[in-house]
Amino acid sequence: MVVVVFRARSKPGIGKDYEEMDARMVDLAVKMPGFVSYRQYASTDGEELAVIEFESHETMAAWRNHPEHREAQRLGRERWFAEYRITVCDVARDYSFKA
């Protein structure tokens, strides 16, 4: 499994177009072959965090290179994000507990 950690800070005053694009990207990602999960969080200091899991580097690359996602990336750099950082991780261990 591959985990992508996307950390970002938005520019002040971004509008509804960002929210619409974000919703579209989530909708598109969950339909991609090899998609496992998506979670999004917001910090009190304004940082946003998304954790996306894919089955493999190949399925993650297919998402990264999807034409609509490429356009969202371009718009993110031009319009919406003051900064971002993407970290791609290979899962070394994965275990859980449920009571």
N, C-alpha and C. Protein backbone atom coordinates (compact mmCIF):
# COMPACT_ATOMS: atom_id res chain seq x y z
N MET A 1 0.84 -1.18 0.00
CA MET A 1 0.00 0.00 0.00
C MET A 1 0.89 1.24 0.00
N VAL A 2 0.40 2.28 -0.64
CA VAL A 2 1.09 3.57 -0.71
C VAL A 2 0.19 4.61 -0.06
N VAL A 3 0.78 5.43 0.80
CA VAL A 3 0.04 6.49 1.48
C VAL A 3 0.58 7.83 1.01
N VAL A 4 -0.33 8.70 0.59
CA VAL A 4 0.02 10.05 0.18
C VAL A 4 -0.49 11.00 1.26
N VAL A 5 0.41 11.82 1.78
CA VAL A 5 0.05 12.82 2.78
C VAL A 5 0.17 14.18 2.10
N PHE A 6 -0.96 14.88 2.02
CA PHE A 6 -1.01 16.19 1.36
C PHE A 6 -1.30 17.24 2.43
N ARG A 7 -0.32 18.11 2.67
CA ARG A 7 -0.47 19.20 3.66
C ARG A 7 -0.50 20.50 2.89
N ALA A 8 -1.45 21.38 3.23
CA ALA A 8 -1.58 22.64 2.49
C ALA A 8 -2.11 23.76 3.37
N ARG A 9 -1.76 24.95 2.95
CA ARG A 9 -2.34 26.18 3.52
C ARG A 9 -2.92 26.96 2.35
N SER A 10 -4.16 27.34 2.50
CA SER A 10 -4.85 28.07 1.44
C SER A 10 -4.55 29.55 1.51
N LYS A 11 -4.66 30.19 0.35
CA LYS A 11 -4.55 31.65 0.30
C LYS A 11 -5.81 32.24 0.93
N PRO A 12 -5.71 33.44 1.49
CA PRO A 12 -6.91 34.08 2.05
C PRO A 12 -7.96 34.33 0.96
N GLY A 13 -9.21 34.16 1.34
CA GLY A 13 -10.31 34.53 0.47
C GLY A 13 -10.62 33.60 -0.68
N ILE A 14 -10.14 32.35 -0.64
CA ILE A 14 -10.49 31.44 -1.73
C ILE A 14 -11.98 31.17 -1.66
N GLY A 15 -12.58 30.92 -2.78
CA GLY A 15 -14.03 30.86 -2.83
C GLY A 15 -14.60 29.49 -3.08
N LYS A 16 -15.84 29.53 -3.49
CA LYS A 16 -16.63 28.33 -3.72
C LYS A 16 -16.03 27.45 -4.82
N ASP A 17 -15.31 28.04 -5.76
CA ASP A 17 -14.72 27.24 -6.83
C ASP A 17 -13.72 26.23 -6.27
N TYR A 18 -13.00 26.60 -5.21
CA TYR A 18 -12.08 25.65 -4.57
C TYR A 18 -12.86 24.51 -3.93
N GLU A 19 -13.92 24.82 -3.21
CA GLU A 19 -14.72 23.78 -2.56
C GLU A 19 -15.31 22.83 -3.59
N GLU A 20 -15.78 23.38 -4.71
CA GLU A 20 -16.34 22.54 -5.76
C GLU A 20 -15.28 21.64 -6.38
N MET A 21 -14.09 22.18 -6.62
CA MET A 21 -13.02 21.38 -7.20
C MET A 21 -12.58 20.31 -6.22
N ASP A 22 -12.48 20.65 -4.95
CA ASP A 22 -12.09 19.68 -3.92
C ASP A 22 -13.09 18.52 -3.90
N ALA A 23 -14.36 18.83 -3.91
CA ALA A 23 -15.40 17.79 -3.91
C ALA A 23 -15.31 16.93 -5.18
N ARG A 24 -15.04 17.55 -6.31
CA ARG A 24 -14.91 16.81 -7.56
C ARG A 24 -13.70 15.88 -7.50
N MET A 25 -12.59 16.35 -6.95
CA MET A 25 -11.39 15.52 -6.86
C MET A 25 -11.61 14.31 -5.96
N VAL A 26 -12.30 14.50 -4.85
CA VAL A 26 -12.61 13.37 -3.97
C VAL A 26 -13.49 12.37 -4.70
N ASP A 27 -14.52 12.85 -5.38
CA ASP A 27 -15.43 11.99 -6.13
C ASP A 27 -14.67 11.20 -7.20
N LEU A 28 -13.77 11.87 -7.88
CA LEU A 28 -12.98 11.22 -8.92
C LEU A 28 -12.01 10.21 -8.33
N ALA A 29 -11.33 10.57 -7.26
CA ALA A 29 -10.32 9.69 -6.65
C ALA A 29 -10.93 8.37 -6.18
N VAL A 30 -12.08 8.43 -5.54
CA VAL A 30 -12.68 7.19 -5.00
C VAL A 30 -13.07 6.22 -6.10
N LYS A 31 -13.20 6.70 -7.32
CA LYS A 31 -13.56 5.84 -8.45
C LYS A 31 -12.35 5.30 -9.21
N MET A 32 -11.16 5.73 -8.82
CA MET A 32 -9.93 5.29 -9.50
C MET A 32 -9.61 3.85 -9.12
N PRO A 33 -9.18 3.03 -10.09
CA PRO A 33 -8.72 1.69 -9.74
C PRO A 33 -7.55 1.78 -8.75
N GLY A 34 -7.57 0.95 -7.74
CA GLY A 34 -6.49 0.94 -6.76
C GLY A 34 -6.67 1.90 -5.61
N PHE A 35 -7.71 2.71 -5.65
CA PHE A 35 -7.99 3.62 -4.53
C PHE A 35 -8.39 2.80 -3.31
N VAL A 36 -7.86 3.17 -2.13
CA VAL A 36 -8.19 2.47 -0.89
C VAL A 36 -9.01 3.36 0.04
N SER A 37 -8.49 4.56 0.35
CA SER A 37 -9.23 5.43 1.28
C SER A 37 -8.77 6.87 1.15
N TYR A 38 -9.61 7.77 1.69
CA TYR A 38 -9.33 9.20 1.70
C TYR A 38 -9.87 9.79 3.00
N ARG A 39 -9.04 10.55 3.69
CA ARG A 39 -9.47 11.27 4.89
C ARG A 39 -8.91 12.68 4.81
N GLN A 40 -9.70 13.63 5.25
CA GLN A 40 -9.27 15.02 5.23
C GLN A 40 -9.49 15.63 6.62
N TYR A 41 -8.52 16.44 7.05
CA TYR A 41 -8.55 17.06 8.37
C TYR A 41 -8.13 18.52 8.25
N ALA A 42 -8.57 19.33 9.21
CA ALA A 42 -8.17 20.74 9.26
C ALA A 42 -7.67 21.04 10.67
N SER A 43 -6.55 21.73 10.73
CA SER A 43 -5.96 22.12 12.00
C SER A 43 -6.49 23.49 12.42
N THR A 44 -6.42 23.76 13.70
CA THR A 44 -6.87 25.06 14.20
C THR A 44 -6.00 26.20 13.69
N ASP A 45 -4.77 25.90 13.25
CA ASP A 45 -3.89 26.94 12.73
C ASP A 45 -4.04 27.16 11.22
N GLY A 46 -5.02 26.50 10.61
CA GLY A 46 -5.31 26.72 9.20
C GLY A 46 -4.71 25.72 8.24
N GLU A 47 -3.88 24.82 8.74
CA GLU A 47 -3.32 23.81 7.85
C GLU A 47 -4.36 22.74 7.56
N GLU A 48 -4.42 22.32 6.30
CA GLU A 48 -5.30 21.22 5.90
C GLU A 48 -4.43 20.00 5.62
N LEU A 49 -4.97 18.83 5.94
CA LEU A 49 -4.23 17.60 5.76
C LEU A 49 -5.16 16.57 5.11
N ALA A 50 -4.67 15.94 4.06
CA ALA A 50 -5.39 14.83 3.44
C ALA A 50 -4.48 13.62 3.44
N VAL A 51 -5.05 12.47 3.78
CA VAL A 51 -4.33 11.21 3.76
C VAL A 51 -5.06 10.31 2.78
N ILE A 52 -4.36 9.93 1.70
CA ILE A 52 -4.96 9.14 0.64
C ILE A 52 -4.17 7.85 0.50
N GLU A 53 -4.86 6.72 0.42
CA GLU A 53 -4.20 5.42 0.29
C GLU A 53 -4.55 4.79 -1.06
N PHE A 54 -3.52 4.25 -1.69
CA PHE A 54 -3.67 3.51 -2.94
C PHE A 54 -3.02 2.14 -2.80
N GLU A 55 -3.43 1.22 -3.63
CA GLU A 55 -2.90 -0.14 -3.57
C GLU A 55 -1.43 -0.20 -3.97
N SER A 56 -0.98 0.67 -4.89
CA SER A 56 0.39 0.58 -5.41
C SER A 56 0.86 1.93 -5.93
N HIS A 57 2.15 2.01 -6.22
CA HIS A 57 2.68 3.23 -6.82
C HIS A 57 2.08 3.47 -8.20
N GLU A 58 1.79 2.39 -8.91
CA GLU A 58 1.21 2.52 -10.25
C GLU A 58 -0.19 3.11 -10.19
N THR A 59 -1.01 2.64 -9.23
CA THR A 59 -2.37 3.18 -9.13
C THR A 59 -2.35 4.62 -8.61
N MET A 60 -1.39 4.93 -7.74
CA MET A 60 -1.25 6.31 -7.26
C MET A 60 -0.81 7.22 -8.41
N ALA A 61 0.11 6.74 -9.25
CA ALA A 61 0.58 7.53 -10.39
C ALA A 61 -0.55 7.79 -11.39
N ALA A 62 -1.42 6.81 -11.56
CA ALA A 62 -2.57 7.00 -12.46
C ALA A 62 -3.45 8.14 -11.96
N TRP A 63 -3.64 8.22 -10.65
CA TRP A 63 -4.40 9.32 -10.06
C TRP A 63 -3.67 10.64 -10.24
N ARG A 64 -2.38 10.65 -9.91
CA ARG A 64 -1.58 11.87 -10.03
C ARG A 64 -1.64 12.44 -11.45
N ASN A 65 -1.67 11.56 -12.45
CA ASN A 65 -1.62 11.99 -13.84
C ASN A 65 -2.98 12.10 -14.52
N HIS A 66 -4.06 11.87 -13.79
CA HIS A 66 -5.40 12.00 -14.38
C HIS A 66 -5.58 13.43 -14.89
N PRO A 67 -6.10 13.62 -16.10
CA PRO A 67 -6.21 14.98 -16.67
C PRO A 67 -6.95 15.99 -15.79
N GLU A 68 -8.05 15.60 -15.19
CA GLU A 68 -8.78 16.53 -14.32
C GLU A 68 -7.98 16.86 -13.06
N HIS A 69 -7.27 15.87 -12.55
CA HIS A 69 -6.44 16.10 -11.37
C HIS A 69 -5.27 17.01 -11.72
N ARG A 70 -4.70 16.83 -12.90
CA ARG A 70 -3.62 17.72 -13.36
C ARG A 70 -4.10 19.17 -13.41
N GLU A 71 -5.30 19.37 -13.91
CA GLU A 71 -5.87 20.72 -13.97
C GLU A 71 -6.08 21.29 -12.57
N ALA A 72 -6.56 20.47 -11.65
CA ALA A 72 -6.74 20.90 -10.27
C ALA A 72 -5.40 21.27 -9.64
N GLN A 73 -4.36 20.50 -9.95
CA GLN A 73 -3.02 20.82 -9.45
C GLN A 73 -2.57 22.20 -9.95
N ARG A 74 -2.78 22.44 -11.23
CA ARG A 74 -2.39 23.73 -11.82
C ARG A 74 -3.14 24.87 -11.15
N LEU A 75 -4.45 24.72 -11.00
CA LEU A 75 -5.25 25.76 -10.36
C LEU A 75 -4.86 25.95 -8.90
N GLY A 76 -4.53 24.87 -8.23
CA GLY A 76 -4.08 24.96 -6.84
C GLY A 76 -2.86 25.84 -6.71
N ARG A 77 -1.89 25.64 -7.60
CA ARG A 77 -0.67 26.46 -7.56
C ARG A 77 -0.96 27.91 -7.94
N GLU A 78 -1.83 28.11 -8.91
CA GLU A 78 -2.11 29.47 -9.39
C GLU A 78 -3.07 30.25 -8.49
N ARG A 79 -4.08 29.59 -7.94
CA ARG A 79 -5.16 30.31 -7.27
C ARG A 79 -5.31 30.06 -5.77
N TRP A 80 -5.20 28.80 -5.34
CA TRP A 80 -5.72 28.44 -4.04
C TRP A 80 -4.71 28.25 -2.93
N PHE A 81 -3.54 27.74 -3.24
CA PHE A 81 -2.61 27.38 -2.17
C PHE A 81 -1.50 28.40 -1.99
N ALA A 82 -1.28 28.78 -0.73
CA ALA A 82 -0.12 29.59 -0.38
C ALA A 82 1.10 28.69 -0.32
N GLU A 83 0.88 27.45 0.10
CA GLU A 83 1.95 26.45 0.15
C GLU A 83 1.33 25.07 0.28
N TYR A 84 2.10 24.06 -0.13
CA TYR A 84 1.69 22.69 0.11
C TYR A 84 2.91 21.79 0.12
N ARG A 85 2.71 20.61 0.68
CA ARG A 85 3.76 19.59 0.71
C ARG A 85 3.10 18.24 0.52
N ILE A 86 3.68 17.44 -0.36
CA ILE A 86 3.17 16.09 -0.62
C ILE A 86 4.26 15.10 -0.23
N THR A 87 3.88 14.14 0.59
CA THR A 87 4.78 13.08 1.02
C THR A 87 4.18 11.75 0.61
N VAL A 88 4.94 10.94 -0.11
CA VAL A 88 4.49 9.63 -0.55
C VAL A 88 5.24 8.58 0.27
N CYS A 89 4.48 7.68 0.89
CA CYS A 89 5.06 6.72 1.83
C CYS A 89 4.71 5.28 1.44
N ASP A 90 5.67 4.39 1.57
CA ASP A 90 5.40 2.96 1.47
C ASP A 90 5.06 2.46 2.87
N VAL A 91 4.04 1.65 2.98
CA VAL A 91 3.63 1.13 4.28
C VAL A 91 4.56 0.00 4.68
N ALA A 92 5.24 0.16 5.79
CA ALA A 92 6.12 -0.88 6.30
C ALA A 92 5.39 -1.86 7.20
N ARG A 93 4.37 -1.36 7.89
CA ARG A 93 3.60 -2.18 8.81
C ARG A 93 2.21 -1.57 8.89
N ASP A 94 1.21 -2.42 9.05
CA ASP A 94 -0.17 -1.94 9.15
C ASP A 94 -0.93 -2.90 10.06
N TYR A 95 -1.37 -2.40 11.20
CA TYR A 95 -2.16 -3.24 12.09
C TYR A 95 -3.16 -2.36 12.80
N SER A 96 -4.18 -2.99 13.38
CA SER A 96 -5.24 -2.21 14.02
C SER A 96 -5.80 -2.97 15.22
N PHE A 97 -6.63 -2.29 15.96
CA PHE A 97 -7.30 -2.85 17.14
C PHE A 97 -8.71 -2.30 17.15
N LYS A 98 -9.68 -3.14 17.44
CA LYS A 98 -11.07 -2.71 17.63
C LYS A 98 -11.60 -3.39 18.89
N ALA A 99 -12.17 -2.60 19.77
CA ALA A 99 -12.73 -3.15 21.00
C ALA A 99 -14.12 -3.68 20.75
